[in-house]
């Protein structure tokens, strides 16, 4: 019998969603690697990859699929669904990737030893993250905050250099 057996993958099998998501993040982190985490980076991200861009749409769709498939935001605590989807690695230019699902609440206070890059993706209402609407915000090294989603529900993707974050006791 010729042809593919049911267990033989074909070249037409789409890549799993998580692999596509990783590939998209590799592309993004390649563009920001080595840049200072500052207001200029936030401005550039919002111009190049803001809510009307293909990158933003790909990342939001990947996050929503990951939540639906159960490999994103698989943990829950204090009303926040969260999870680290990728540890820092060379393919991601030493950024870790975390995603949270928050609605009208403040999360635990923490600091960013090497900074933090956030992508805000409103899901319900006109959700903001730390008063930022849909798009990007960047926290410089040494900054700290109570991450707060207001006016609705949002997914927030965090890129942390070397995965470094310190929660306040």
N, C-alpha and C. Protein backbone atom coordinates (compact mmCIF):
# COMPACT_ATOMS: atom_id res chain seq x y z
N UNK A 1 0.85 -1.17 0.00
CA UNK A 1 0.00 0.00 0.00
C UNK A 1 0.90 1.24 0.00
N UNK A 2 0.63 2.15 -0.89
CA UNK A 2 1.43 3.38 -1.00
C UNK A 2 0.71 4.52 -0.29
N UNK A 3 1.47 5.60 -0.08
CA UNK A 3 0.89 6.79 0.53
C UNK A 3 1.31 6.90 1.98
N UNK A 4 0.74 7.88 2.64
CA UNK A 4 1.08 8.14 4.03
C UNK A 4 0.22 7.30 4.96
N UNK A 5 0.84 6.76 5.96
CA UNK A 5 0.06 6.07 6.99
C UNK A 5 -0.55 7.14 7.89
N UNK A 6 -1.56 6.80 8.67
CA UNK A 6 -2.17 7.80 9.55
C UNK A 6 -1.19 8.40 10.54
N UNK A 7 -0.10 7.71 10.86
CA UNK A 7 0.85 8.21 11.86
C UNK A 7 2.00 9.00 11.23
N UNK A 8 2.08 9.06 9.92
CA UNK A 8 3.17 9.77 9.25
C UNK A 8 2.78 11.23 9.06
N UNK A 9 3.55 12.16 9.63
CA UNK A 9 3.20 13.57 9.42
C UNK A 9 3.45 13.97 7.97
N UNK A 10 2.59 14.79 7.46
CA UNK A 10 2.78 15.29 6.10
C UNK A 10 3.40 16.68 6.20
N UNK A 11 3.92 17.15 5.09
CA UNK A 11 4.50 18.50 5.06
C UNK A 11 3.41 19.56 5.16
N UNK A 12 2.18 19.16 5.01
CA UNK A 12 1.09 20.12 5.05
C UNK A 12 0.49 20.24 6.44
N UNK A 13 0.98 19.47 7.42
CA UNK A 13 0.50 19.59 8.78
C UNK A 13 0.99 20.93 9.32
N UNK A 14 0.05 21.77 9.80
CA UNK A 14 0.49 23.07 10.32
C UNK A 14 1.31 22.90 11.59
N UNK A 15 2.21 23.86 11.83
CA UNK A 15 3.00 23.84 13.06
C UNK A 15 2.05 24.02 14.24
N UNK A 16 2.32 23.36 15.36
CA UNK A 16 1.48 23.58 16.54
C UNK A 16 1.48 25.06 16.93
N UNK A 17 0.39 25.51 17.50
CA UNK A 17 0.22 26.92 17.86
C UNK A 17 1.37 27.42 18.73
N UNK A 18 1.81 26.62 19.70
CA UNK A 18 2.89 27.06 20.60
C UNK A 18 4.18 27.28 19.82
N UNK A 19 4.46 26.45 18.84
CA UNK A 19 5.67 26.62 18.02
C UNK A 19 5.58 27.88 17.16
N UNK A 20 4.41 28.16 16.62
CA UNK A 20 4.20 29.39 15.83
C UNK A 20 4.38 30.61 16.73
N UNK A 21 3.84 30.54 17.94
CA UNK A 21 3.95 31.62 18.91
C UNK A 21 5.43 31.87 19.24
N UNK A 22 6.18 30.81 19.48
CA UNK A 22 7.62 30.93 19.76
C UNK A 22 8.34 31.58 18.59
N UNK A 23 8.01 31.17 17.38
CA UNK A 23 8.64 31.73 16.18
C UNK A 23 8.36 33.24 16.07
N UNK A 24 7.12 33.63 16.35
CA UNK A 24 6.76 35.05 16.32
C UNK A 24 7.56 35.83 17.35
N UNK A 25 7.69 35.26 18.54
CA UNK A 25 8.46 35.92 19.60
C UNK A 25 9.94 35.98 19.28
N UNK A 26 10.46 34.97 18.60
CA UNK A 26 11.86 35.02 18.16
C UNK A 26 12.08 36.21 17.22
N UNK A 27 11.13 36.40 16.31
CA UNK A 27 11.22 37.52 15.36
C UNK A 27 11.19 38.85 16.11
N UNK A 28 10.26 38.99 17.06
CA UNK A 28 10.14 40.23 17.82
C UNK A 28 11.37 40.48 18.68
N UNK A 29 11.80 39.49 19.46
CA UNK A 29 12.94 39.71 20.36
C UNK A 29 14.22 39.97 19.59
N UNK A 30 14.31 39.46 18.38
CA UNK A 30 15.46 39.77 17.53
C UNK A 30 15.54 41.24 17.19
N UNK A 31 14.37 41.90 17.13
CA UNK A 31 14.33 43.33 16.81
C UNK A 31 14.62 44.22 18.01
N UNK A 32 14.45 43.68 19.23
CA UNK A 32 14.64 44.52 20.42
C UNK A 32 15.88 44.14 21.22
N UNK A 33 16.51 43.02 20.89
CA UNK A 33 17.69 42.58 21.63
C UNK A 33 18.77 43.65 21.62
N UNK A 34 19.33 43.92 22.78
CA UNK A 34 20.43 44.87 22.90
C UNK A 34 20.00 46.33 23.02
N UNK A 35 18.71 46.60 22.86
CA UNK A 35 18.23 47.98 22.97
C UNK A 35 17.96 48.31 24.43
N UNK A 36 18.18 49.56 24.85
CA UNK A 36 17.84 49.94 26.22
C UNK A 36 16.34 49.83 26.44
N UNK A 37 15.95 49.38 27.63
CA UNK A 37 14.54 49.32 27.99
C UNK A 37 14.16 50.68 28.55
N UNK A 38 13.57 51.50 27.68
CA UNK A 38 13.26 52.89 28.03
C UNK A 38 12.07 53.39 27.21
N UNK A 39 11.73 54.66 27.38
CA UNK A 39 10.59 55.26 26.69
C UNK A 39 10.77 55.23 25.17
N UNK A 40 12.00 55.36 24.69
CA UNK A 40 12.24 55.32 23.24
C UNK A 40 11.87 53.95 22.68
N UNK A 41 12.17 52.88 23.43
CA UNK A 41 11.80 51.55 22.98
C UNK A 41 10.28 51.40 22.96
N UNK A 42 9.61 51.91 23.99
CA UNK A 42 8.14 51.86 24.03
C UNK A 42 7.55 52.58 22.82
N UNK A 43 8.09 53.77 22.52
CA UNK A 43 7.60 54.53 21.36
C UNK A 43 7.81 53.74 20.07
N UNK A 44 8.99 53.16 19.92
CA UNK A 44 9.28 52.39 18.70
C UNK A 44 8.35 51.18 18.59
N UNK A 45 8.17 50.45 19.69
CA UNK A 45 7.29 49.28 19.66
C UNK A 45 5.87 49.67 19.28
N UNK A 46 5.37 50.78 19.82
CA UNK A 46 4.01 51.21 19.50
C UNK A 46 3.88 51.69 18.06
N UNK A 47 4.95 52.25 17.50
CA UNK A 47 4.91 52.66 16.09
C UNK A 47 5.05 51.46 15.17
N UNK A 48 6.00 50.59 15.44
CA UNK A 48 6.29 49.46 14.56
C UNK A 48 5.33 48.29 14.75
N UNK A 49 4.89 48.06 16.01
CA UNK A 49 4.12 46.86 16.33
C UNK A 49 2.91 47.17 17.21
N UNK A 50 2.30 48.33 16.99
CA UNK A 50 1.13 48.73 17.77
C UNK A 50 -0.11 47.93 17.40
N UNK A 51 -1.25 48.26 18.02
CA UNK A 51 -2.48 47.48 17.86
C UNK A 51 -2.96 47.28 16.43
N UNK A 52 -2.57 48.13 15.51
CA UNK A 52 -3.01 47.96 14.11
C UNK A 52 -2.02 47.16 13.27
N UNK A 53 -0.97 46.66 13.90
CA UNK A 53 0.08 45.97 13.14
C UNK A 53 -0.16 44.46 13.05
N UNK A 54 0.48 43.85 12.08
CA UNK A 54 0.41 42.39 11.90
C UNK A 54 1.03 41.67 13.09
N UNK A 55 2.13 42.20 13.64
CA UNK A 55 2.80 41.56 14.78
C UNK A 55 1.87 41.53 15.99
N UNK A 56 1.21 42.64 16.29
CA UNK A 56 0.28 42.71 17.42
C UNK A 56 -0.83 41.67 17.24
N UNK A 57 -1.40 41.62 16.05
CA UNK A 57 -2.49 40.66 15.78
C UNK A 57 -1.99 39.23 15.95
N UNK A 58 -0.80 38.93 15.43
CA UNK A 58 -0.25 37.57 15.57
C UNK A 58 -0.02 37.21 17.03
N UNK A 59 0.51 38.15 17.81
CA UNK A 59 0.76 37.88 19.22
C UNK A 59 -0.54 37.71 19.99
N UNK A 60 -1.51 38.56 19.73
CA UNK A 60 -2.80 38.46 20.44
C UNK A 60 -3.50 37.15 20.07
N UNK A 61 -3.51 36.81 18.79
CA UNK A 61 -4.13 35.55 18.38
C UNK A 61 -3.41 34.36 19.01
N UNK A 62 -2.08 34.41 19.08
CA UNK A 62 -1.31 33.34 19.70
C UNK A 62 -1.62 33.21 21.18
N UNK A 63 -1.74 34.34 21.87
CA UNK A 63 -2.08 34.31 23.29
C UNK A 63 -3.48 33.75 23.50
N UNK A 64 -4.43 34.20 22.72
CA UNK A 64 -5.80 33.71 22.88
C UNK A 64 -5.88 32.21 22.59
N UNK A 65 -5.17 31.74 21.56
CA UNK A 65 -5.15 30.31 21.25
C UNK A 65 -4.48 29.53 22.37
N UNK A 66 -3.38 30.07 22.92
CA UNK A 66 -2.67 29.40 24.01
C UNK A 66 -3.53 29.24 25.25
N UNK A 67 -4.32 30.28 25.57
CA UNK A 67 -5.23 30.19 26.71
C UNK A 67 -6.28 29.11 26.43
N UNK A 68 -6.83 29.14 25.24
CA UNK A 68 -7.87 28.17 24.87
C UNK A 68 -7.32 26.74 24.87
N UNK A 69 -6.08 26.57 24.41
CA UNK A 69 -5.47 25.23 24.34
C UNK A 69 -4.88 24.79 25.68
N UNK A 70 -4.78 25.71 26.65
CA UNK A 70 -4.34 25.34 27.98
C UNK A 70 -2.86 25.43 28.26
N UNK A 71 -2.05 25.97 27.35
CA UNK A 71 -0.62 26.10 27.62
C UNK A 71 -0.22 27.52 28.01
N UNK A 72 -1.18 28.43 28.08
CA UNK A 72 -0.95 29.79 28.57
C UNK A 72 -1.91 30.06 29.72
N UNK A 73 -1.45 30.82 30.70
CA UNK A 73 -2.28 31.21 31.85
C UNK A 73 -2.88 29.98 32.53
N UNK A 74 -2.06 28.94 32.68
CA UNK A 74 -2.55 27.68 33.23
C UNK A 74 -2.62 27.68 34.76
N UNK A 75 -2.05 28.69 35.40
CA UNK A 75 -2.10 28.79 36.87
C UNK A 75 -3.06 29.91 37.26
N UNK A 76 -3.50 29.86 38.52
CA UNK A 76 -4.38 30.92 39.00
C UNK A 76 -4.09 31.21 40.46
N UNK A 77 -4.10 32.50 40.80
CA UNK A 77 -3.90 32.93 42.18
C UNK A 77 -4.31 34.38 42.34
N UNK A 78 -5.03 34.67 43.39
CA UNK A 78 -5.43 36.05 43.67
C UNK A 78 -6.26 36.68 42.57
N UNK A 79 -7.04 35.87 41.85
CA UNK A 79 -7.88 36.39 40.77
C UNK A 79 -7.14 36.61 39.46
N UNK A 80 -5.88 36.18 39.40
CA UNK A 80 -5.07 36.36 38.19
C UNK A 80 -4.75 34.98 37.62
N UNK A 81 -4.98 34.83 36.34
CA UNK A 81 -4.51 33.63 35.64
C UNK A 81 -3.17 34.01 35.03
N UNK A 82 -2.17 33.12 35.16
CA UNK A 82 -0.82 33.48 34.74
C UNK A 82 -0.01 32.24 34.37
N UNK A 83 1.15 32.48 33.80
CA UNK A 83 2.08 31.39 33.54
C UNK A 83 3.26 31.86 32.70
N UNK A 84 4.40 31.24 32.95
CA UNK A 84 5.59 31.47 32.13
C UNK A 84 5.56 30.44 31.03
N UNK A 85 5.45 30.92 29.80
CA UNK A 85 5.35 29.99 28.67
C UNK A 85 6.72 29.61 28.13
N UNK A 86 7.68 30.55 28.18
CA UNK A 86 9.03 30.26 27.71
C UNK A 86 10.05 30.84 28.68
N UNK A 87 11.01 30.03 29.08
CA UNK A 87 12.13 30.50 29.88
C UNK A 87 13.09 31.23 28.95
N UNK A 88 13.98 32.08 29.51
CA UNK A 88 14.93 32.78 28.64
C UNK A 88 15.83 31.77 27.93
N UNK A 89 15.99 31.97 26.65
CA UNK A 89 16.91 31.13 25.88
C UNK A 89 17.51 31.96 24.75
N UNK A 90 18.51 31.41 24.10
CA UNK A 90 19.20 32.16 23.05
C UNK A 90 18.27 32.47 21.88
N UNK A 91 17.35 31.56 21.55
CA UNK A 91 16.43 31.79 20.43
C UNK A 91 15.55 33.02 20.70
N UNK A 92 15.24 33.26 21.98
CA UNK A 92 14.41 34.41 22.37
C UNK A 92 15.27 35.57 22.86
N UNK A 93 16.55 35.53 22.52
CA UNK A 93 17.48 36.61 22.86
C UNK A 93 17.50 36.89 24.36
N UNK A 94 17.40 35.80 25.13
CA UNK A 94 17.52 35.81 26.60
C UNK A 94 16.34 36.50 27.30
N UNK A 95 15.20 36.60 26.63
CA UNK A 95 13.98 37.08 27.28
C UNK A 95 13.14 35.87 27.69
N UNK A 96 12.52 35.95 28.87
CA UNK A 96 11.48 34.99 29.22
C UNK A 96 10.15 35.58 28.74
N UNK A 97 9.15 34.72 28.65
CA UNK A 97 7.83 35.16 28.19
C UNK A 97 6.78 34.65 29.18
N UNK A 98 6.07 35.59 29.79
CA UNK A 98 4.97 35.29 30.70
C UNK A 98 3.72 35.97 30.15
N UNK A 99 2.56 35.38 30.43
CA UNK A 99 1.30 36.00 30.05
C UNK A 99 0.36 35.92 31.24
N UNK A 100 -0.33 37.02 31.52
CA UNK A 100 -1.34 37.06 32.58
C UNK A 100 -2.68 37.46 31.99
N UNK A 101 -3.74 37.01 32.64
CA UNK A 101 -5.12 37.36 32.31
C UNK A 101 -5.67 38.01 33.56
N UNK A 102 -5.95 39.33 33.48
CA UNK A 102 -6.39 40.10 34.64
C UNK A 102 -7.63 40.91 34.30
N UNK A 103 -8.47 41.09 35.30
CA UNK A 103 -9.67 41.92 35.12
C UNK A 103 -9.87 42.79 36.35
N UNK A 104 -9.78 44.10 36.15
CA UNK A 104 -10.08 45.09 37.19
C UNK A 104 -9.44 44.77 38.54
N UNK A 105 -8.12 44.60 38.56
CA UNK A 105 -7.44 44.36 39.83
C UNK A 105 -5.97 44.69 39.71
N UNK A 106 -5.36 44.81 40.91
CA UNK A 106 -3.92 45.05 40.99
C UNK A 106 -3.24 43.76 41.42
N UNK A 107 -2.15 43.44 40.74
CA UNK A 107 -1.39 42.24 41.06
C UNK A 107 -0.35 42.52 42.13
N UNK A 108 0.44 41.50 42.46
CA UNK A 108 1.45 41.64 43.51
C UNK A 108 2.59 42.58 43.11
N UNK A 109 3.00 43.40 44.08
CA UNK A 109 4.10 44.34 43.85
C UNK A 109 5.38 43.56 43.53
N UNK A 110 6.10 44.05 42.52
CA UNK A 110 7.37 43.43 42.15
C UNK A 110 8.27 44.46 41.48
N UNK A 111 9.55 44.10 41.39
CA UNK A 111 10.51 44.97 40.71
C UNK A 111 11.12 44.22 39.53
N UNK A 112 11.72 45.00 38.65
CA UNK A 112 12.31 44.49 37.41
C UNK A 112 13.79 44.82 37.41
N UNK A 113 14.65 43.91 37.89
CA UNK A 113 16.08 44.22 37.96
C UNK A 113 16.67 44.66 36.61
N UNK A 114 16.19 44.06 35.51
CA UNK A 114 16.73 44.41 34.19
C UNK A 114 15.69 45.05 33.29
N UNK A 115 14.53 45.40 33.86
CA UNK A 115 13.46 46.01 33.10
C UNK A 115 12.39 45.00 32.70
N UNK A 116 11.34 45.52 32.06
CA UNK A 116 10.22 44.69 31.64
C UNK A 116 9.56 45.35 30.43
N UNK A 117 9.18 44.53 29.46
CA UNK A 117 8.47 44.99 28.27
C UNK A 117 7.11 44.32 28.30
N UNK A 118 6.04 45.13 28.21
CA UNK A 118 4.68 44.61 28.31
C UNK A 118 3.87 44.90 27.07
N UNK A 119 3.12 43.91 26.63
CA UNK A 119 2.17 44.07 25.53
C UNK A 119 0.78 43.95 26.13
N UNK A 120 -0.02 45.00 26.00
CA UNK A 120 -1.37 45.06 26.56
C UNK A 120 -2.37 44.72 25.47
N UNK A 121 -3.19 43.69 25.75
CA UNK A 121 -4.17 43.20 24.79
C UNK A 121 -5.55 43.16 25.44
N UNK A 122 -6.33 44.25 25.36
CA UNK A 122 -7.66 44.26 25.97
C UNK A 122 -8.56 43.17 25.38
N UNK A 123 -9.32 42.52 26.28
CA UNK A 123 -10.28 41.50 25.86
C UNK A 123 -11.71 41.96 26.08
N UNK A 124 -11.93 42.74 27.15
CA UNK A 124 -13.26 43.23 27.48
C UNK A 124 -13.15 44.68 27.91
N UNK A 125 -14.09 45.50 27.47
CA UNK A 125 -14.09 46.91 27.83
C UNK A 125 -12.92 47.64 27.19
N UNK A 126 -12.60 48.76 27.77
CA UNK A 126 -11.46 49.57 27.32
C UNK A 126 -10.30 49.34 28.28
N UNK A 127 -10.00 48.07 28.53
CA UNK A 127 -9.02 47.70 29.55
C UNK A 127 -7.68 48.40 29.35
N UNK A 128 -7.13 48.87 30.47
CA UNK A 128 -5.80 49.47 30.48
C UNK A 128 -4.92 48.67 31.44
N UNK A 129 -3.62 48.78 31.23
CA UNK A 129 -2.64 48.18 32.12
C UNK A 129 -1.76 49.30 32.63
N UNK A 130 -1.78 49.54 33.93
CA UNK A 130 -1.03 50.66 34.52
C UNK A 130 -1.30 51.95 33.73
N UNK A 131 -2.56 52.17 33.41
CA UNK A 131 -3.05 53.35 32.67
C UNK A 131 -2.62 53.39 31.20
N UNK A 132 -2.06 52.30 30.67
CA UNK A 132 -1.69 52.23 29.26
C UNK A 132 -2.78 51.47 28.50
N UNK A 133 -3.24 52.02 27.36
CA UNK A 133 -4.23 51.30 26.55
C UNK A 133 -3.55 50.19 25.74
N UNK A 134 -4.28 49.59 24.84
CA UNK A 134 -3.74 48.53 23.98
C UNK A 134 -2.42 49.00 23.37
N UNK A 135 -1.44 48.12 23.38
CA UNK A 135 -0.12 48.44 22.85
C UNK A 135 0.97 48.05 23.83
N UNK A 136 2.06 48.79 23.78
CA UNK A 136 3.26 48.45 24.53
C UNK A 136 3.59 49.47 25.61
N UNK A 137 4.15 48.99 26.72
CA UNK A 137 4.80 49.86 27.69
C UNK A 137 6.09 49.18 28.13
N UNK A 138 7.05 49.99 28.51
CA UNK A 138 8.37 49.48 28.87
C UNK A 138 8.76 50.08 30.21
N UNK A 139 9.19 49.20 31.12
CA UNK A 139 9.70 49.63 32.42
C UNK A 139 11.22 49.47 32.40
N UNK A 140 11.95 50.51 32.84
CA UNK A 140 13.41 50.44 32.82
C UNK A 140 13.95 49.55 33.94
N UNK A 141 15.22 49.19 33.86
CA UNK A 141 15.84 48.41 34.93
C UNK A 141 15.68 49.12 36.28
N UNK A 142 15.39 48.32 37.31
CA UNK A 142 15.24 48.86 38.65
C UNK A 142 13.86 49.40 38.98
N UNK A 143 12.94 49.40 38.03
CA UNK A 143 11.60 49.91 38.27
C UNK A 143 10.77 48.88 39.04
N UNK A 144 9.65 49.34 39.61
CA UNK A 144 8.77 48.46 40.37
C UNK A 144 7.34 48.97 40.25
N UNK A 145 6.37 48.07 40.45
CA UNK A 145 4.96 48.48 40.39
C UNK A 145 4.05 47.38 40.94
N UNK A 146 2.78 47.77 41.14
CA UNK A 146 1.67 46.84 41.34
C UNK A 146 1.01 46.77 39.97
N UNK A 147 1.21 45.73 39.18
CA UNK A 147 0.59 45.68 37.85
C UNK A 147 -0.93 45.73 37.98
N UNK A 148 -1.55 46.70 37.31
CA UNK A 148 -2.97 46.95 37.51
C UNK A 148 -3.71 47.01 36.18
N UNK A 149 -4.74 46.18 36.07
CA UNK A 149 -5.65 46.24 34.93
C UNK A 149 -6.93 46.91 35.42
N UNK A 150 -7.37 47.93 34.69
CA UNK A 150 -8.59 48.67 35.04
C UNK A 150 -9.48 48.77 33.80
N UNK A 151 -10.74 49.06 34.02
CA UNK A 151 -11.72 49.30 32.96
C UNK A 151 -11.99 48.07 32.08
N UNK A 152 -11.79 46.88 32.63
CA UNK A 152 -12.08 45.69 31.84
C UNK A 152 -11.10 44.56 32.09
N UNK A 153 -11.00 43.71 31.10
CA UNK A 153 -10.14 42.51 31.18
C UNK A 153 -9.11 42.57 30.06
N UNK A 154 -7.89 42.14 30.39
CA UNK A 154 -6.82 42.16 29.39
C UNK A 154 -5.88 40.98 29.59
N UNK A 155 -5.29 40.57 28.50
CA UNK A 155 -4.11 39.70 28.54
C UNK A 155 -2.91 40.64 28.47
N UNK A 156 -1.89 40.35 29.26
CA UNK A 156 -0.65 41.13 29.22
C UNK A 156 0.50 40.15 29.06
N UNK A 157 1.28 40.36 28.01
CA UNK A 157 2.46 39.56 27.75
C UNK A 157 3.66 40.32 28.30
N UNK A 158 4.49 39.62 29.10
CA UNK A 158 5.67 40.21 29.71
C UNK A 158 6.92 39.60 29.10
N UNK A 159 7.83 40.44 28.67
CA UNK A 159 9.16 40.00 28.27
C UNK A 159 10.13 40.50 29.35
N UNK A 160 10.83 39.56 29.98
CA UNK A 160 11.76 39.90 31.05
C UNK A 160 13.17 39.47 30.66
N UNK A 161 14.12 40.41 30.58
CA UNK A 161 15.50 40.03 30.28
C UNK A 161 16.00 39.02 31.32
N UNK A 162 16.51 37.90 30.83
CA UNK A 162 17.00 36.81 31.67
C UNK A 162 15.94 36.28 32.64
N UNK A 163 14.67 36.62 32.40
CA UNK A 163 13.59 36.13 33.26
C UNK A 163 13.57 36.74 34.65
N UNK A 164 14.28 37.85 34.83
CA UNK A 164 14.46 38.41 36.17
C UNK A 164 13.28 39.25 36.61
N UNK A 165 12.71 38.85 37.75
CA UNK A 165 11.62 39.57 38.40
C UNK A 165 11.76 39.29 39.90
N UNK A 166 11.48 40.29 40.73
CA UNK A 166 11.57 40.09 42.18
C UNK A 166 10.27 40.55 42.81
N UNK A 167 9.55 39.59 43.41
CA UNK A 167 8.31 39.92 44.08
C UNK A 167 8.61 40.44 45.48
N UNK A 168 7.90 41.49 45.88
CA UNK A 168 8.07 42.12 47.18
C UNK A 168 7.36 41.27 48.22
N UNK A 169 8.01 41.02 49.33
CA UNK A 169 7.38 40.23 50.41
C UNK A 169 6.48 41.08 51.26
